[in-house]
Amino acid sequence: MRQGNLFLSSLFTFLLTGFVLTERLSLTALGSVLVVASCACAALLAVALPLPRREKLGRAGLAAGLAALAVAAIPLLSANILEALQWKGAPQGVPLVHIVENRSGIITVDGPIR
């Protein structure tokens, strides 16, 4: 029974991330959501461990602090990530004018739209 629950939860997570979140969120927002969800799982695990209350709260607080730090840092560190991922022959520092992101892919325009 436990293996069936694990399978269903992983299937739900795959479907939620792959079909719902990637359709609605940008790469940066998706990264932030996934980091916050991971830190929330770590905090729940810390609370569920058989440890003294003070240590449980310390570990859960550490997970919450890391989540807050990641939410602040991810947009700053990935501001020009799509420009950096362009093919090697592209001129350096060309800003992207328009970006369309969805679960099917990413379309970028690096020149004026006519």
C-alpha atoms as a PDB file:
ATOM      1  CA  MET A   1       0.000   0.000   0.000  1.00  0.00           C
ATOM      2  CA  ARG A   2       2.818   2.403   0.863  1.00  0.00           C
ATOM      3  CA  GLN A   3       4.485   1.919  -2.536  1.00  0.00           C
ATOM      4  CA  GLY A   4       1.221   2.747  -4.265  1.00  0.00           C
ATOM      5  CA  ASN A   5       0.960   6.005  -2.308  1.00  0.00           C
ATOM      6  CA  LEU A   6       4.536   6.922  -3.238  1.00  0.00           C
ATOM      7  CA  PHE A   7       3.810   6.190  -6.893  1.00  0.00           C
ATOM      8  CA  LEU A   8       0.649   8.308  -6.890  1.00  0.00           C
ATOM      9  CA  SER A   9       2.348  11.218  -5.138  1.00  0.00           C
ATOM     10  CA  SER A  10       5.273  11.184  -7.577  1.00  0.00           C
ATOM     11  CA  LEU A  11       2.862  10.970 -10.515  1.00  0.00           C
ATOM     12  CA  PHE A  12       0.857  13.905  -9.156  1.00  0.00           C
ATOM     13  CA  THR A  13       4.055  15.931  -8.653  1.00  0.00           C
ATOM     14  CA  PHE A  14       5.197  15.158 -12.205  1.00  0.00           C
ATOM     15  CA  LEU A  15       1.842  16.179 -13.681  1.00  0.00           C
ATOM     16  CA  LEU A  16       1.606  19.328 -11.559  1.00  0.00           C
ATOM     17  CA  THR A  17       5.118  20.468 -12.435  1.00  0.00           C
ATOM     18  CA  GLY A  18       5.152  19.342 -16.049  1.00  0.00           C
ATOM     19  CA  PHE A  19       1.736  20.403 -17.223  1.00  0.00           C
ATOM     20  CA  VAL A  20       0.354  23.028 -14.857  1.00  0.00           C
ATOM     21  CA  LEU A  21       3.241  25.030 -13.427  1.00  0.00           C
ATOM     22  CA  THR A  22       5.339  25.168 -16.604  1.00  0.00           C
ATOM     23  CA  GLU A  23       2.323  26.493 -18.496  1.00  0.00           C
ATOM     24  CA  ARG A  24       1.653  29.269 -16.001  1.00  0.00           C
ATOM     25  CA  LEU A  25       5.065  30.279 -14.587  1.00  0.00           C
ATOM     26  CA  SER A  26       8.332  31.523 -16.042  1.00  0.00           C
ATOM     27  CA  LEU A  27      11.579  29.620 -15.465  1.00  0.00           C
ATOM     28  CA  THR A  28      12.573  31.931 -12.642  1.00  0.00           C
ATOM     29  CA  ALA A  29       9.208  31.690 -10.896  1.00  0.00           C
ATOM     30  CA  LEU A  30       9.135  27.916 -11.363  1.00  0.00           C
ATOM     31  CA  GLY A  31      12.585  27.625  -9.809  1.00  0.00           C
ATOM     32  CA  SER A  32      11.472  29.717  -6.847  1.00  0.00           C
ATOM     33  CA  VAL A  33       8.306  27.665  -6.337  1.00  0.00           C
ATOM     34  CA  LEU A  34      10.225  24.393  -6.457  1.00  0.00           C
ATOM     35  CA  VAL A  35      12.845  25.623  -3.976  1.00  0.00           C
ATOM     36  CA  VAL A  36      10.154  26.797  -1.571  1.00  0.00           C
ATOM     37  CA  ALA A  37       8.324  23.455  -1.879  1.00  0.00           C
ATOM     38  CA  SER A  38      11.558  21.568  -1.238  1.00  0.00           C
ATOM     39  CA  CYS A  39      12.360  23.669   1.808  1.00  0.00           C
ATOM     40  CA  ALA A  40       8.807  23.157   3.098  1.00  0.00           C
ATOM     41  CA  CYS A  41       9.315  19.388   2.801  1.00  0.00           C
ATOM     42  CA  ALA A  42      12.615  19.698   4.654  1.00  0.00           C
ATOM     43  CA  ALA A  43      10.913  21.721   7.404  1.00  0.00           C
ATOM     44  CA  LEU A  44       8.139  19.115   7.729  1.00  0.00           C
ATOM     45  CA  LEU A  45      10.751  16.370   7.960  1.00  0.00           C
ATOM     46  CA  ALA A  46      12.625  18.316  10.637  1.00  0.00           C
ATOM     47  CA  VAL A  47       9.427  18.702  12.666  1.00  0.00           C
ATOM     48  CA  ALA A  48       8.576  15.006  12.285  1.00  0.00           C
ATOM     49  CA  LEU A  49      11.967  13.748  13.501  1.00  0.00           C
ATOM     50  CA  PRO A  50      12.222  12.467  17.078  1.00  0.00           C
ATOM     51  CA  LEU A  51      14.340  15.388  18.319  1.00  0.00           C
ATOM     52  CA  PRO A  52      13.988  17.914  21.133  1.00  0.00           C
ATOM     53  CA  ARG A  53      11.544  20.734  20.376  1.00  0.00           C
ATOM     54  CA  ARG A  54      14.263  23.393  20.273  1.00  0.00           C
ATOM     55  CA  GLU A  55      16.267  21.471  17.665  1.00  0.00           C
ATOM     56  CA  LYS A  56      13.144  20.807  15.575  1.00  0.00           C
ATOM     57  CA  LEU A  57      12.317  24.505  15.496  1.00  0.00           C
ATOM     58  CA  GLY A  58      15.917  25.381  14.691  1.00  0.00           C
ATOM     59  CA  ARG A  59      16.000  23.050  11.710  1.00  0.00           C
ATOM     60  CA  ALA A  60      12.592  24.176  10.477  1.00  0.00           C
ATOM     61  CA  GLY A  61      13.711  27.795  10.856  1.00  0.00           C
ATOM     62  CA  LEU A  62      16.869  27.050   8.888  1.00  0.00           C
ATOM     63  CA  ALA A  63      14.775  25.579   6.064  1.00  0.00           C
ATOM     64  CA  ALA A  64      12.491  28.631   6.102  1.00  0.00           C
ATOM     65  CA  GLY A  65      15.489  30.963   6.050  1.00  0.00           C
ATOM     66  CA  LEU A  66      17.038  29.128   3.122  1.00  0.00           C
ATOM     67  CA  ALA A  67      13.742  29.311   1.253  1.00  0.00           C
ATOM     68  CA  ALA A  68      13.530  33.073   1.823  1.00  0.00           C
ATOM     69  CA  LEU A  69      17.146  33.522   0.728  1.00  0.00           C
ATOM     70  CA  ALA A  70      16.537  31.463  -2.414  1.00  0.00           C
ATOM     71  CA  VAL A  71      13.382  33.397  -3.318  1.00  0.00           C
ATOM     72  CA  ALA A  72      15.374  36.624  -3.074  1.00  0.00           C
ATOM     73  CA  ALA A  73      18.483  35.298  -4.866  1.00  0.00           C
ATOM     74  CA  ILE A  74      17.010  33.309  -7.761  1.00  0.00           C
ATOM     75  CA  PRO A  75      15.595  36.309  -9.693  1.00  0.00           C
ATOM     76  CA  LEU A  76      18.809  38.275  -9.193  1.00  0.00           C
ATOM     77  CA  LEU A  77      21.121  35.447 -10.245  1.00  0.00           C
ATOM     78  CA  SER A  78      19.057  34.356 -13.233  1.00  0.00           C
ATOM     79  CA  ALA A  79      18.154  37.757 -14.674  1.00  0.00           C
ATOM     80  CA  ASN A  80      19.953  37.200 -17.998  1.00  0.00           C
ATOM     81  CA  ILE A  81      19.990  33.412 -18.106  1.00  0.00           C
ATOM     82  CA  LEU A  82      18.216  33.141 -21.462  1.00  0.00           C
ATOM     83  CA  GLU A  83      20.655  35.558 -23.085  1.00  0.00           C
ATOM     84  CA  ALA A  84      23.547  33.477 -21.721  1.00  0.00           C
ATOM     85  CA  LEU A  85      22.044  30.289 -23.168  1.00  0.00           C
ATOM     86  CA  GLN A  86      21.939  31.594 -26.743  1.00  0.00           C
ATOM     87  CA  TRP A  87      24.099  29.835 -29.316  1.00  0.00           C
ATOM     88  CA  LYS A  88      27.801  30.579 -29.252  1.00  0.00           C
ATOM     89  CA  GLY A  89      27.854  32.570 -32.507  1.00  0.00           C
ATOM     90  CA  ALA A  90      25.466  35.197 -31.155  1.00  0.00           C
ATOM     91  CA  PRO A  91      26.909  38.591 -30.308  1.00  0.00           C
ATOM     92  CA  GLN A  92      27.528  39.072 -26.602  1.00  0.00           C
ATOM     93  CA  GLY A  93      25.160  41.217 -24.598  1.00  0.00           C
ATOM     94  CA  VAL A  94      22.263  41.240 -27.045  1.00  0.00           C
ATOM     95  CA  PRO A  95      19.158  41.789 -24.908  1.00  0.00           C
ATOM     96  CA  LEU A  96      16.061  39.777 -25.689  1.00  0.00           C
ATOM     97  CA  VAL A  97      13.156  41.975 -26.727  1.00  0.00           C
ATOM     98  CA  HIS A  98      10.340  39.467 -26.236  1.00  0.00           C
ATOM     99  CA  ILE A  99      10.181  36.110 -24.426  1.00  0.00           C
ATOM    100  CA  VAL A 100       7.346  33.582 -24.576  1.00  0.00           C
ATOM    101  CA  GLU A 101       7.628  30.649 -22.159  1.00  0.00           C
ATOM    102  CA  ASN A 102       5.261  27.689 -21.835  1.00  0.00           C
ATOM    103  CA  ARG A 103       5.477  23.930 -21.404  1.00  0.00           C
ATOM    104  CA  SER A 104       6.190  23.438 -25.115  1.00  0.00           C
ATOM    105  CA  GLY A 105       9.320  25.553 -25.097  1.00  0.00           C
ATOM    106  CA  ILE A 106      10.767  29.043 -25.021  1.00  0.00           C
ATOM    107  CA  ILE A 107      10.660  31.487 -27.910  1.00  0.00           C
ATOM    108  CA  THR A 108      12.896  34.549 -27.783  1.00  0.00           C
ATOM    109  CA  VAL A 109      13.237  37.556 -30.094  1.00  0.00           C
ATOM    110  CA  ASP A 110      16.511  39.473 -29.986  1.00  0.00           C
ATOM    111  CA  GLY A 111      15.737  42.241 -32.460  1.00  0.00           C
ATOM    112  CA  PRO A 112      12.967  44.714 -33.128  1.00  0.00           C
ATOM    113  CA  ILE A 113       9.558  43.218 -33.812  1.00  0.00           C
ATOM    114  CA  ARG A 114       8.053  44.524 -37.063  1.00  0.00           C
END
